[in-house]
Amino acid sequence: MNTMRVDIINPKALRLLKDLADMNLIAIQDNSKNGFASVLKKLRLKAKTAPTYDEITKEVELVRQMRYEK
């Protein structure tokens, strides 16, 4: 099975895709509503502990420092 991301420009294309799904030729999964939330959930499941506020602040400041040095 191949997986692709398709940006639909014309609403007629969406109808065609739905027709293909009705014929069981393709499967449509709408991940646009919770894409970030699902990625965040996966990352949190893999982490042993959540970073503290101070650790997050330190990392943000480090990235900002590196960015502005250029």
C-alpha atoms as a PDB file:
ATOM      1  CA  MET A   1       0.000   0.000   0.000  1.00  0.00           C
ATOM      2  CA  ASN A   2       1.240   3.497  -0.871  1.00  0.00           C
ATOM      3  CA  THR A   3       0.368   6.575   1.140  1.00  0.00           C
ATOM      4  CA  MET A   4       0.216  10.075  -0.341  1.00  0.00           C
ATOM      5  CA  ARG A   5      -0.740  13.520   0.817  1.00  0.00           C
ATOM      6  CA  VAL A   6      -2.965  15.315  -1.692  1.00  0.00           C
ATOM      7  CA  ASP A   7      -3.895  19.001  -1.660  1.00  0.00           C
ATOM      8  CA  ILE A   8      -7.347  19.348  -3.205  1.00  0.00           C
ATOM      9  CA  ILE A   9      -7.752  22.542  -5.205  1.00  0.00           C
ATOM     10  CA  ASN A  10     -11.022  21.906  -7.007  1.00  0.00           C
ATOM     11  CA  PRO A  11     -14.109  20.573  -5.161  1.00  0.00           C
ATOM     12  CA  LYS A  12     -14.813  18.288  -8.134  1.00  0.00           C
ATOM     13  CA  ALA A  13     -11.622  16.389  -7.302  1.00  0.00           C
ATOM     14  CA  LEU A  14     -12.967  15.726  -3.799  1.00  0.00           C
ATOM     15  CA  ARG A  15     -16.103  14.202  -5.292  1.00  0.00           C
ATOM     16  CA  LEU A  16     -13.964  11.962  -7.501  1.00  0.00           C
ATOM     17  CA  LEU A  17     -11.926  10.823  -4.513  1.00  0.00           C
ATOM     18  CA  LYS A  18     -15.079  10.077  -2.530  1.00  0.00           C
ATOM     19  CA  ASP A  19     -16.417   8.048  -5.460  1.00  0.00           C
ATOM     20  CA  LEU A  20     -13.175   6.028  -5.534  1.00  0.00           C
ATOM     21  CA  ALA A  21     -13.503   5.443  -1.801  1.00  0.00           C
ATOM     22  CA  ASP A  22     -17.108   4.272  -2.247  1.00  0.00           C
ATOM     23  CA  MET A  23     -15.846   1.710  -4.774  1.00  0.00           C
ATOM     24  CA  ASN A  24     -13.258   0.533  -2.203  1.00  0.00           C
ATOM     25  CA  LEU A  25     -10.395   1.529  -4.483  1.00  0.00           C
ATOM     26  CA  ILE A  26      -8.897   3.998  -2.013  1.00  0.00           C
ATOM     27  CA  ALA A  27      -9.247   4.836   1.665  1.00  0.00           C
ATOM     28  CA  ILE A  28      -9.591   8.428   2.824  1.00  0.00           C
ATOM     29  CA  GLN A  29      -8.340   9.514   6.241  1.00  0.00           C
ATOM     30  CA  ASP A  30      -8.870  13.098   7.339  1.00  0.00           C
ATOM     31  CA  ASN A  31      -5.896  13.956   9.538  1.00  0.00           C
ATOM     32  CA  SER A  32      -6.008  17.712   9.030  1.00  0.00           C
ATOM     33  CA  LYS A  33      -8.135  18.414  12.113  1.00  0.00           C
ATOM     34  CA  ASN A  34      -5.764  17.063  14.738  1.00  0.00           C
ATOM     35  CA  GLY A  35      -2.414  16.700  13.016  1.00  0.00           C
ATOM     36  CA  PHE A  36      -0.412  18.634  15.570  1.00  0.00           C
ATOM     37  CA  ALA A  37      -2.308  17.173  18.501  1.00  0.00           C
ATOM     38  CA  SER A  38      -1.680  13.607  17.367  1.00  0.00           C
ATOM     39  CA  VAL A  39       2.045  14.237  16.856  1.00  0.00           C
ATOM     40  CA  LEU A  40       2.244  15.856  20.275  1.00  0.00           C
ATOM     41  CA  LYS A  41       0.458  12.919  21.856  1.00  0.00           C
ATOM     42  CA  LYS A  42       2.870  10.443  20.224  1.00  0.00           C
ATOM     43  CA  LEU A  43       5.873  12.406  21.452  1.00  0.00           C
ATOM     44  CA  ARG A  44       4.497  12.588  24.975  1.00  0.00           C
ATOM     45  CA  LEU A  45       3.885   8.845  25.043  1.00  0.00           C
ATOM     46  CA  LYS A  46       7.526   8.191  24.164  1.00  0.00           C
ATOM     47  CA  ALA A  47       8.930  10.618  26.732  1.00  0.00           C
ATOM     48  CA  LYS A  48       9.770   9.289  30.164  1.00  0.00           C
ATOM     49  CA  THR A  49       9.298  12.639  31.883  1.00  0.00           C
ATOM     50  CA  ALA A  50       7.993  16.001  30.737  1.00  0.00           C
ATOM     51  CA  PRO A  51      10.488  18.868  30.677  1.00  0.00           C
ATOM     52  CA  THR A  52      10.139  21.508  33.347  1.00  0.00           C
ATOM     53  CA  TYR A  53       9.281  25.107  32.596  1.00  0.00           C
ATOM     54  CA  ASP A  54      12.874  26.113  33.327  1.00  0.00           C
ATOM     55  CA  GLU A  55      14.257  23.478  30.930  1.00  0.00           C
ATOM     56  CA  ILE A  56      11.954  24.685  28.165  1.00  0.00           C
ATOM     57  CA  THR A  57      12.906  28.309  28.794  1.00  0.00           C
ATOM     58  CA  LYS A  58      16.617  27.451  28.749  1.00  0.00           C
ATOM     59  CA  GLU A  59      16.253  25.611  25.415  1.00  0.00           C
ATOM     60  CA  VAL A  60      14.265  28.474  23.853  1.00  0.00           C
ATOM     61  CA  GLU A  61      16.848  31.020  24.961  1.00  0.00           C
ATOM     62  CA  LEU A  62      19.662  28.864  23.550  1.00  0.00           C
ATOM     63  CA  VAL A  63      17.950  28.594  20.158  1.00  0.00           C
ATOM     64  CA  ARG A  64      17.267  32.337  20.095  1.00  0.00           C
ATOM     65  CA  GLN A  65      20.891  33.074  20.948  1.00  0.00           C
ATOM     66  CA  MET A  66      22.133  30.819  18.142  1.00  0.00           C
ATOM     67  CA  ARG A  67      19.667  32.350  15.668  1.00  0.00           C
ATOM     68  CA  TYR A  68      20.560  35.961  16.433  1.00  0.00           C
ATOM     69  CA  GLU A  69      24.319  35.371  16.447  1.00  0.00           C
ATOM     70  CA  LYS A  70      24.162  34.753  12.701  1.00  0.00           C
END
